[in-house]
Amino acid sequence: MDGTEREELLRLVGRLFALADRLEEQRRALGRYALVWWEGAAADHYRDLVEQRRATLARHAEEVRGLADDVALLVALAGAQGPPGAVPAAS
């Protein structure tokens, strides 16, 4: 992996973490606007939908963070192995 590829992958890691942060912001924002004053069956249904959406956003944020961690690990491993075709040093 050359320096340009490494930089691109590290930028991807940054974008993935930023996306995960935005998903978390959306999840938190939904919690503030769940209409706690509203009552009745329709309100309960709406709150259930909001909670489902918040759970989905949390799952997606975790998945994106996991992908970012995986890409960062791959970059680190590729850097530790040296350029393609390099012969590892004898121990």
PDB file of N, CA and C in Angstrom:
ATOM      1  N   MET A   1       0.856  -1.166   0.000  1.00  0.00           N
ATOM      2  CA  MET A   1       0.000   0.000   0.000  1.00  0.00           C
ATOM      3  C   MET A   1       0.901   1.228   0.000  1.00  0.00           C
ATOM      4  N   ASP A   2       0.668   2.124  -0.949  1.00  0.00           N
ATOM      5  CA  ASP A   2       1.493   3.329  -0.985  1.00  0.00           C
ATOM      6  C   ASP A   2       0.892   4.400  -0.066  1.00  0.00           C
ATOM      7  N   GLY A   3       1.610   5.500   0.070  1.00  0.00           N
ATOM      8  CA  GLY A   3       1.186   6.559   0.984  1.00  0.00           C
ATOM      9  C   GLY A   3      -0.160   7.156   0.631  1.00  0.00           C
ATOM     10  N   THR A   4      -0.441   7.283  -0.678  1.00  0.00           N
ATOM     11  CA  THR A   4      -1.710   7.853  -1.116  1.00  0.00           C
ATOM     12  C   THR A   4      -2.876   6.950  -0.724  1.00  0.00           C
ATOM     13  N   GLU A   5      -2.719   5.652  -0.937  1.00  0.00           N
ATOM     14  CA  GLU A   5      -3.785   4.714  -0.565  1.00  0.00           C
ATOM     15  C   GLU A   5      -4.013   4.737   0.939  1.00  0.00           C
ATOM     16  N   ARG A   6      -2.919   4.786   1.683  1.00  0.00           N
ATOM     17  CA  ARG A   6      -3.031   4.827   3.145  1.00  0.00           C
ATOM     18  C   ARG A   6      -3.786   6.075   3.583  1.00  0.00           C
ATOM     19  N   GLU A   7      -3.439   7.228   3.009  1.00  0.00           N
ATOM     20  CA  GLU A   7      -4.119   8.480   3.346  1.00  0.00           C
ATOM     21  C   GLU A   7      -5.600   8.415   3.002  1.00  0.00           C
ATOM     22  N   GLU A   8      -5.931   7.840   1.850  1.00  0.00           N
ATOM     23  CA  GLU A   8      -7.334   7.714   1.455  1.00  0.00           C
ATOM     24  C   GLU A   8      -8.098   6.831   2.434  1.00  0.00           C
ATOM     25  N   LEU A   9      -7.483   5.736   2.846  1.00  0.00           N
ATOM     26  CA  LEU A   9      -8.142   4.849   3.802  1.00  0.00           C
ATOM     27  C   LEU A   9      -8.299   5.522   5.164  1.00  0.00           C
ATOM     28  N   LEU A  10      -7.311   6.280   5.570  1.00  0.00           N
ATOM     29  CA  LEU A  10      -7.433   6.993   6.844  1.00  0.00           C
ATOM     30  C   LEU A  10      -8.508   8.072   6.768  1.00  0.00           C
ATOM     31  N   ARG A  11      -8.646   8.731   5.605  1.00  0.00           N
ATOM     32  CA  ARG A  11      -9.744   9.691   5.426  1.00  0.00           C
ATOM     33  C   ARG A  11     -11.085   8.970   5.505  1.00  0.00           C
ATOM     34  N   LEU A  12     -11.151   7.761   4.923  1.00  0.00           N
ATOM     35  CA  LEU A  12     -12.373   6.960   5.000  1.00  0.00           C
ATOM     36  C   LEU A  12     -12.711   6.647   6.455  1.00  0.00           C
ATOM     37  N   VAL A  13     -11.709   6.289   7.235  1.00  0.00           N
ATOM     38  CA  VAL A  13     -11.930   6.023   8.660  1.00  0.00           C
ATOM     39  C   VAL A  13     -12.532   7.260   9.326  1.00  0.00           C
ATOM     40  N   GLY A  14     -11.980   8.420   9.040  1.00  0.00           N
ATOM     41  CA  GLY A  14     -12.505   9.664   9.610  1.00  0.00           C
ATOM     42  C   GLY A  14     -13.941   9.926   9.201  1.00  0.00           C
ATOM     43  N   ARG A  15     -14.246   9.689   7.927  1.00  0.00           N
ATOM     44  CA  ARG A  15     -15.623   9.895   7.448  1.00  0.00           C
ATOM     45  C   ARG A  15     -16.583   8.912   8.105  1.00  0.00           C
ATOM     46  N   LEU A  16     -16.140   7.673   8.301  1.00  0.00           N
ATOM     47  CA  LEU A  16     -17.002   6.682   8.950  1.00  0.00           C
ATOM     48  C   LEU A  16     -17.292   7.072  10.400  1.00  0.00           C
ATOM     49  N   PHE A  17     -16.270   7.515  11.124  1.00  0.00           N
ATOM     50  CA  PHE A  17     -16.502   7.956  12.502  1.00  0.00           C
ATOM     51  C   PHE A  17     -17.417   9.182  12.534  1.00  0.00           C
ATOM     52  N   ALA A  18     -17.258  10.100  11.586  1.00  0.00           N
ATOM     53  CA  ALA A  18     -18.126  11.279  11.524  1.00  0.00           C
ATOM     54  C   ALA A  18     -19.566  10.867  11.240  1.00  0.00           C
ATOM     55  N   LEU A  19     -19.756   9.896  10.363  1.00  0.00           N
ATOM     56  CA  LEU A  19     -21.100   9.395  10.077  1.00  0.00           C
ATOM     57  C   LEU A  19     -21.710   8.773  11.327  1.00  0.00           C
ATOM     58  N   ALA A  20     -20.933   7.989  12.052  1.00  0.00           N
ATOM     59  CA  ALA A  20     -21.434   7.380  13.287  1.00  0.00           C
ATOM     60  C   ALA A  20     -21.850   8.463  14.282  1.00  0.00           C
ATOM     61  N   ASP A  21     -21.072   9.534  14.367  1.00  0.00           N
ATOM     62  CA  ASP A  21     -21.426  10.641  15.263  1.00  0.00           C
ATOM     63  C   ASP A  21     -22.733  11.298  14.840  1.00  0.00           C
ATOM     64  N   ARG A  22     -22.924  11.495  13.529  1.00  0.00           N
ATOM     65  CA  ARG A  22     -24.177  12.093  13.043  1.00  0.00           C
ATOM     66  C   ARG A  22     -25.371  11.192  13.349  1.00  0.00           C
ATOM     67  N   LEU A  23     -25.196   9.882  13.204  1.00  0.00           N
ATOM     68  CA  LEU A  23     -26.277   8.955  13.537  1.00  0.00           C
ATOM     69  C   LEU A  23     -26.627   9.050  15.020  1.00  0.00           C
ATOM     70  N   GLU A  24     -25.617   9.166  15.864  1.00  0.00           N
ATOM     71  CA  GLU A  24     -25.857   9.320  17.309  1.00  0.00           C
ATOM     72  C   GLU A  24     -26.574  10.635  17.605  1.00  0.00           C
ATOM     73  N   GLU A  25     -26.204  11.704  16.912  1.00  0.00           N
ATOM     74  CA  GLU A  25     -26.880  12.995  17.092  1.00  0.00           C
ATOM     75  C   GLU A  25     -28.354  12.879  16.723  1.00  0.00           C
ATOM     76  N   GLN A  26     -28.642  12.198  15.620  1.00  0.00           N
ATOM     77  CA  GLN A  26     -30.034  12.000  15.214  1.00  0.00           C
ATOM     78  C   GLN A  26     -30.793  11.189  16.256  1.00  0.00           C
ATOM     79  N   ARG A  27     -30.137  10.165  16.801  1.00  0.00           N
ATOM     80  CA  ARG A  27     -30.778   9.331  17.815  1.00  0.00           C
ATOM     81  C   ARG A  27     -31.111  10.163  19.054  1.00  0.00           C
ATOM     82  N   ARG A  28     -30.163  10.977  19.500  1.00  0.00           N
ATOM     83  CA  ARG A  28     -30.406  11.828  20.671  1.00  0.00           C
ATOM     84  C   ARG A  28     -31.510  12.844  20.393  1.00  0.00           C
ATOM     85  N   ALA A  29     -31.511  13.424  19.201  1.00  0.00           N
ATOM     86  CA  ALA A  29     -32.526  14.417  18.852  1.00  0.00           C
ATOM     87  C   ALA A  29     -33.921  13.802  18.870  1.00  0.00           C
ATOM     88  N   LEU A  30     -34.051  12.584  18.414  1.00  0.00           N
ATOM     89  CA  LEU A  30     -35.365  11.935  18.434  1.00  0.00           C
ATOM     90  C   LEU A  30     -35.883  11.786  19.859  1.00  0.00           C
ATOM     91  N   GLY A  31     -35.013  11.547  20.802  1.00  0.00           N
ATOM     92  CA  GLY A  31     -35.425  11.402  22.191  1.00  0.00           C
ATOM     93  C   GLY A  31     -36.001  12.691  22.756  1.00  0.00           C
ATOM     94  N   ARG A  32     -35.525  13.824  22.270  1.00  0.00           N
ATOM     95  CA  ARG A  32     -36.014  15.115  22.768  1.00  0.00           C
ATOM     96  C   ARG A  32     -37.379  15.473  22.200  1.00  0.00           C
ATOM     97  N   TYR A  33     -37.748  14.862  21.090  1.00  0.00           N
ATOM     98  CA  TYR A  33     -38.984  15.259  20.421  1.00  0.00           C
ATOM     99  C   TYR A  33     -40.002  14.126  20.375  1.00  0.00           C
ATOM    100  N   ALA A  34     -40.100  13.364  21.440  1.00  0.00           N
ATOM    101  CA  ALA A  34     -41.003  12.214  21.453  1.00  0.00           C
ATOM    102  C   ALA A  34     -42.416  12.583  21.913  1.00  0.00           C
ATOM    103  N   LEU A  35     -42.699  13.851  22.039  1.00  0.00           N
ATOM    104  CA  LEU A  35     -44.039  14.327  22.408  1.00  0.00           C
ATOM    105  C   LEU A  35     -44.553  13.671  23.691  1.00  0.00           C
ATOM    106  N   VAL A  36     -43.870  13.900  24.786  1.00  0.00           N
ATOM    107  CA  VAL A  36     -44.243  13.283  26.058  1.00  0.00           C
ATOM    108  C   VAL A  36     -45.590  13.774  26.570  1.00  0.00           C
ATOM    109  N   TRP A  37     -46.053  14.916  26.122  1.00  0.00           N
ATOM    110  CA  TRP A  37     -47.318  15.469  26.595  1.00  0.00           C
ATOM    111  C   TRP A  37     -48.519  14.831  25.911  1.00  0.00           C
ATOM    112  N   TRP A  38     -48.303  14.184  24.800  1.00  0.00           N
ATOM    113  CA  TRP A  38     -49.374  13.590  24.011  1.00  0.00           C
ATOM    114  C   TRP A  38     -49.812  12.296  24.687  1.00  0.00           C
ATOM    115  N   GLU A  39     -51.138  12.022  24.755  1.00  0.00           N
ATOM    116  CA  GLU A  39     -51.637  10.835  25.443  1.00  0.00           C
ATOM    117  C   GLU A  39     -52.546  10.025  24.531  1.00  0.00           C
ATOM    118  N   GLY A  40     -52.725   8.759  24.880  1.00  0.00           N
ATOM    119  CA  GLY A  40     -53.635   7.892  24.156  1.00  0.00           C
ATOM    120  C   GLY A  40     -52.908   6.844  23.334  1.00  0.00           C
ATOM    121  N   ALA A  41     -53.706   6.022  22.653  1.00  0.00           N
ATOM    122  CA  ALA A  41     -53.161   4.910  21.873  1.00  0.00           C
ATOM    123  C   ALA A  41     -52.260   5.399  20.740  1.00  0.00           C
ATOM    124  N   ALA A  42     -52.672   6.475  20.076  1.00  0.00           N
ATOM    125  CA  ALA A  42     -51.861   7.002  18.976  1.00  0.00           C
ATOM    126  C   ALA A  42     -50.514   7.504  19.502  1.00  0.00           C
ATOM    127  N   ALA A  43     -50.533   8.131  20.676  1.00  0.00           N
ATOM    128  CA  ALA A  43     -49.289   8.619  21.273  1.00  0.00           C
ATOM    129  C   ALA A  43     -48.379   7.452  21.633  1.00  0.00           C
ATOM    130  N   ASP A  44     -48.950   6.407  22.201  1.00  0.00           N
ATOM    131  CA  ASP A  44     -48.154   5.226  22.544  1.00  0.00           C
ATOM    132  C   ASP A  44     -47.531   4.610  21.300  1.00  0.00           C
ATOM    133  N   HIS A  45     -48.315   4.525  20.231  1.00  0.00           N
ATOM    134  CA  HIS A  45     -47.808   3.964  18.978  1.00  0.00           C
ATOM    135  C   HIS A  45     -46.671   4.835  18.430  1.00  0.00           C
ATOM    136  N   TYR A  46     -46.872   6.138  18.469  1.00  0.00           N
ATOM    137  CA  TYR A  46     -45.844   7.060  17.980  1.00  0.00           C
ATOM    138  C   TYR A  46     -44.557   6.903  18.789  1.00  0.00           C
ATOM    139  N   ARG A  47     -44.680   6.848  20.117  1.00  0.00           N
ATOM    140  CA  ARG A  47     -43.494   6.690  20.966  1.00  0.00           C
ATOM    141  C   ARG A  47     -42.791   5.364  20.684  1.00  0.00           C
ATOM    142  N   ASP A  48     -43.573   4.305  20.430  1.00  0.00           N
ATOM    143  CA  ASP A  48     -42.966   3.017  20.067  1.00  0.00           C
ATOM    144  C   ASP A  48     -42.167   3.136  18.771  1.00  0.00           C
ATOM    145  N   LEU A  49     -42.739   3.827  17.794  1.00  0.00           N
ATOM    146  CA  LEU A  49     -42.032   4.020  16.522  1.00  0.00           C
ATOM    147  C   LEU A  49     -40.750   4.828  16.720  1.00  0.00           C
ATOM    148  N   VAL A  50     -40.824   5.852  17.562  1.00  0.00           N
ATOM    149  CA  VAL A  50     -39.637   6.666  17.841  1.00  0.00           C
ATOM    150  C   VAL A  50     -38.567   5.803  18.499  1.00  0.00           C
ATOM    151  N   GLU A  51     -38.957   4.978  19.469  1.00  0.00           N
ATOM    152  CA  GLU A  51     -37.983   4.111  20.141  1.00  0.00           C
ATOM    153  C   GLU A  51     -37.374   3.097  19.173  1.00  0.00           C
ATOM    154  N   GLN A  52     -38.196   2.566  18.263  1.00  0.00           N
ATOM    155  CA  GLN A  52     -37.660   1.640  17.256  1.00  0.00           C
ATOM    156  C   GLN A  52     -36.641   2.353  16.371  1.00  0.00           C
ATOM    157  N   ARG A  53     -36.965   3.575  15.980  1.00  0.00           N
ATOM    158  CA  ARG A  53     -36.054   4.347  15.128  1.00  0.00           C
ATOM    159  C   ARG A  53     -34.758   4.659  15.873  1.00  0.00           C
ATOM    160  N   ARG A  54     -34.876   5.022  17.150  1.00  0.00           N
ATOM    161  CA  ARG A  54     -33.683   5.311  17.953  1.00  0.00           C
ATOM    162  C   ARG A  54     -32.808   4.065  18.077  1.00  0.00           C
ATOM    163  N   ALA A  55     -33.439   2.910  18.278  1.00  0.00           N
ATOM    164  CA  ALA A  55     -32.674   1.659  18.385  1.00  0.00           C
ATOM    165  C   ALA A  55     -31.979   1.339  17.065  1.00  0.00           C
ATOM    166  N   THR A  56     -32.677   1.571  15.958  1.00  0.00           N
ATOM    167  CA  THR A  56     -32.086   1.329  14.637  1.00  0.00           C
ATOM    168  C   THR A  56     -30.892   2.253  14.406  1.00  0.00           C
ATOM    169  N   LEU A  57     -31.042   3.526  14.753  1.00  0.00           N
ATOM    170  CA  LEU A  57     -29.933   4.470  14.598  1.00  0.00           C
ATOM    171  C   LEU A  57     -28.742   4.066  15.464  1.00  0.00           C
ATOM    172  N   ALA A  58     -29.005   3.606  16.673  1.00  0.00           N
ATOM    173  CA  ALA A  58     -27.915   3.164  17.551  1.00  0.00           C
ATOM    174  C   ALA A  58     -27.193   1.962  16.946  1.00  0.00           C
ATOM    175  N   ARG A  59     -27.962   1.022  16.400  1.00  0.00           N
ATOM    176  CA  ARG A  59     -27.359  -0.158  15.756  1.00  0.00           C
ATOM    177  C   ARG A  59     -26.496   0.249  14.574  1.00  0.00           C
ATOM    178  N   HIS A  60     -27.038   1.134  13.740  1.00  0.00           N
ATOM    179  CA  HIS A  60     -26.280   1.584  12.565  1.00  0.00           C
ATOM    180  C   HIS A  60     -25.007   2.321  12.985  1.00  0.00           C
ATOM    181  N   ALA A  61     -25.100   3.148  14.005  1.00  0.00           N
ATOM    182  CA  ALA A  61     -23.914   3.870  14.482  1.00  0.00           C
ATOM    183  C   ALA A  61     -22.848   2.885  14.948  1.00  0.00           C
ATOM    184  N   GLU A  62     -23.252   1.855  15.675  1.00  0.00           N
ATOM    185  CA  GLU A  62     -22.293   0.843  16.134  1.00  0.00           C
ATOM    186  C   GLU A  62     -21.673   0.089  14.961  1.00  0.00           C
ATOM    187  N   GLU A  63     -22.495  -0.245  13.962  1.00  0.00           N
ATOM    188  CA  GLU A  63     -21.980  -0.947  12.780  1.00  0.00           C
ATOM    189  C   GLU A  63     -20.957  -0.085  12.042  1.00  0.00           C
ATOM    190  N   VAL A  64     -21.267   1.200  11.885  1.00  0.00           N
ATOM    191  CA  VAL A  64     -20.356   2.103  11.175  1.00  0.00           C
ATOM    192  C   VAL A  64     -19.059   2.265  11.968  1.00  0.00           C
ATOM    193  N   ARG A  65     -19.171   2.390  13.296  1.00  0.00           N
ATOM    194  CA  ARG A  65     -17.956   2.474  14.126  1.00  0.00           C
ATOM    195  C   ARG A  65     -17.124   1.198  13.989  1.00  0.00           C
ATOM    196  N   GLY A  66     -17.798   0.057  13.949  1.00  0.00           N
ATOM    197  CA  GLY A  66     -17.085  -1.209  13.768  1.00  0.00           C
ATOM    198  C   GLY A  66     -16.355  -1.258  12.437  1.00  0.00           C
ATOM    199  N   LEU A  67     -17.015  -0.771  11.381  1.00  0.00           N
ATOM    200  CA  LEU A  67     -16.362  -0.715  10.067  1.00  0.00           C
ATOM    201  C   LEU A  67     -15.141   0.205  10.108  1.00  0.00           C
ATOM    202  N   ALA A  68     -15.287   1.351  10.759  1.00  0.00           N
ATOM    203  CA  ALA A  68     -14.160   2.281  10.863  1.00  0.00           C
ATOM    204  C   ALA A  68     -12.998   1.628  11.606  1.00  0.00           C
ATOM    205  N   ASP A  69     -13.307   0.938  12.687  1.00  0.00           N
ATOM    206  CA  ASP A  69     -12.256   0.235  13.433  1.00  0.00           C
ATOM    207  C   ASP A  69     -11.583  -0.828  12.569  1.00  0.00           C
ATOM    208  N   ASP A  70     -12.392  -1.565  11.796  1.00  0.00           N
ATOM    209  CA  ASP A  70     -11.840  -2.612  10.927  1.00  0.00           C
ATOM    210  C   ASP A  70     -10.918  -2.030   9.861  1.00  0.00           C
ATOM    211  N   VAL A  71     -11.345  -0.928   9.237  1.00  0.00           N
ATOM    212  CA  VAL A  71     -10.508  -0.298   8.207  1.00  0.00           C
ATOM    213  C   VAL A  71      -9.215   0.224   8.837  1.00  0.00           C
ATOM    214  N   ALA A  72      -9.312   0.838  10.008  1.00  0.00           N
ATOM    215  CA  ALA A  72      -8.112   1.334  10.688  1.00  0.00           C
ATOM    216  C   ALA A  72      -7.162   0.184  11.007  1.00  0.00           C
ATOM    217  N   LEU A  73      -7.701  -0.947  11.432  1.00  0.00           N
ATOM    218  CA  LEU A  73      -6.870  -2.116  11.724  1.00  0.00           C
ATOM    219  C   LEU A  73      -6.196  -2.632  10.456  1.00  0.00           C
ATOM    220  N   LEU A  74      -6.948  -2.682   9.355  1.00  0.00           N
ATOM    221  CA  LEU A  74      -6.362  -3.128   8.088  1.00  0.00           C
ATOM    222  C   LEU A  74      -5.227  -2.205   7.645  1.00  0.00           C
ATOM    223  N   VAL A  75      -5.421  -0.909   7.818  1.00  0.00           N
ATOM    224  CA  VAL A  75      -4.366   0.048   7.459  1.00  0.00           C
ATOM    225  C   VAL A  75      -3.131  -0.206   8.317  1.00  0.00           C
ATOM    226  N   ALA A  76      -3.342  -0.414   9.605  1.00  0.00           N
ATOM    227  CA  ALA A  76      -2.210  -0.666  10.505  1.00  0.00           C
ATOM    228  C   ALA A  76      -1.500  -1.965  10.141  1.00  0.00           C
ATOM    229  N   LEU A  77      -2.268  -3.005   9.855  1.00  0.00           N
ATOM    230  CA  LEU A  77      -1.662  -4.285   9.487  1.00  0.00           C
ATOM    231  C   LEU A  77      -0.903  -4.183   8.170  1.00  0.00           C
ATOM    232  N   ALA A  78      -1.481  -3.490   7.200  1.00  0.00           N
ATOM    233  CA  ALA A  78      -0.812  -3.336   5.906  1.00  0.00           C
ATOM    234  C   ALA A  78       0.478  -2.546   6.076  1.00  0.00           C
ATOM    235  N   GLY A  79       0.464  -1.545   6.936  1.00  0.00           N
ATOM    236  CA  GLY A  79       1.671  -0.765   7.183  1.00  0.00           C
ATOM    237  C   GLY A  79       2.748  -1.581   7.877  1.00  0.00           C
ATOM    238  N   ALA A  80       2.332  -2.490   8.754  1.00  0.00           N
ATOM    239  CA  ALA A  80       3.290  -3.325   9.485  1.00  0.00           C
ATOM    240  C   ALA A  80       3.932  -4.365   8.582  1.00  0.00           C
ATOM    241  N   GLN A  81       3.225  -4.757   7.522  1.00  0.00           N
ATOM    242  CA  GLN A  81       3.746  -5.792   6.624  1.00  0.00           C
ATOM    243  C   GLN A  81       4.678  -5.224   5.568  1.00  0.00           C
ATOM    244  N   GLY A  82       4.682  -3.928   5.392  1.00  0.00           N
ATOM    245  CA  GLY A  82       5.548  -3.332   4.382  1.00  0.00           C
ATOM    246  C   GLY A  82       4.903  -3.371   3.011  1.00  0.00           C
ATOM    247  N   PRO A  83       5.645  -2.996   1.988  1.00  0.00           N
ATOM    248  CA  PRO A  83       5.092  -2.949   0.635  1.00  0.00           C
ATOM    249  C   PRO A  83       4.777  -4.345   0.105  1.00  0.00           C
ATOM    250  N   PRO A  84       3.861  -4.432  -0.876  1.00  0.00           N
ATOM    251  CA  PRO A  84       3.534  -5.735  -1.457  1.00  0.00           C
ATOM    252  C   PRO A  84       4.780  -6.408  -2.011  1.00  0.00           C
ATOM    253  N   GLY A  85       4.900  -7.696  -1.778  1.00  0.00           N
ATOM    254  CA  GLY A  85       6.026  -8.460  -2.286  1.00  0.00           C
ATOM    255  C   GLY A  85       7.248  -8.424  -1.389  1.00  0.00           C
ATOM    256  N   ALA A  86       7.171  -7.659  -0.301  1.00  0.00           N
ATOM    257  CA  ALA A  86       8.323  -7.583   0.607  1.00  0.00           C
ATOM    258  C   ALA A  86       8.459  -8.894   1.370  1.00  0.00           C
ATOM    259  N   VAL A  87       9.681  -9.278   1.584  1.00  0.00           N
ATOM    260  CA  VAL A  87       9.955 -10.509   2.332  1.00  0.00           C
ATOM    261  C   VAL A  87      10.118 -10.135   3.799  1.00  0.00           C
ATOM    262  N   PRO A  88       9.343 -10.780   4.692  1.00  0.00           N
ATOM    263  CA  PRO A  88       9.476 -10.454   6.115  1.00  0.00           C
ATOM    264  C   PRO A  88      10.881 -10.772   6.614  1.00  0.00           C
ATOM    265  N   ALA A  89      11.350  -9.977   7.541  1.00  0.00           N
ATOM    266  CA  ALA A  89      12.684 -10.195   8.120  1.00  0.00           C
ATOM    267  C   ALA A  89      12.686 -11.477   8.939  1.00  0.00           C
ATOM    268  N   ALA A  90      13.792 -12.204   8.881  1.00  0.00           N
ATOM    269  CA  ALA A  90      13.919 -13.445   9.653  1.00  0.00           C
ATOM    270  C   ALA A  90      14.078 -13.106  11.122  1.00  0.00           C
ATOM    271  N   SER A  91      13.477 -13.937  11.975  1.00  0.00           N
ATOM    272  CA  SER A  91      13.565 -13.687  13.420  1.00  0.00           C
ATOM    273  C   SER A  91      14.739 -14.415  14.011  1.00  0.00           C
TER     274      SER A  91
END
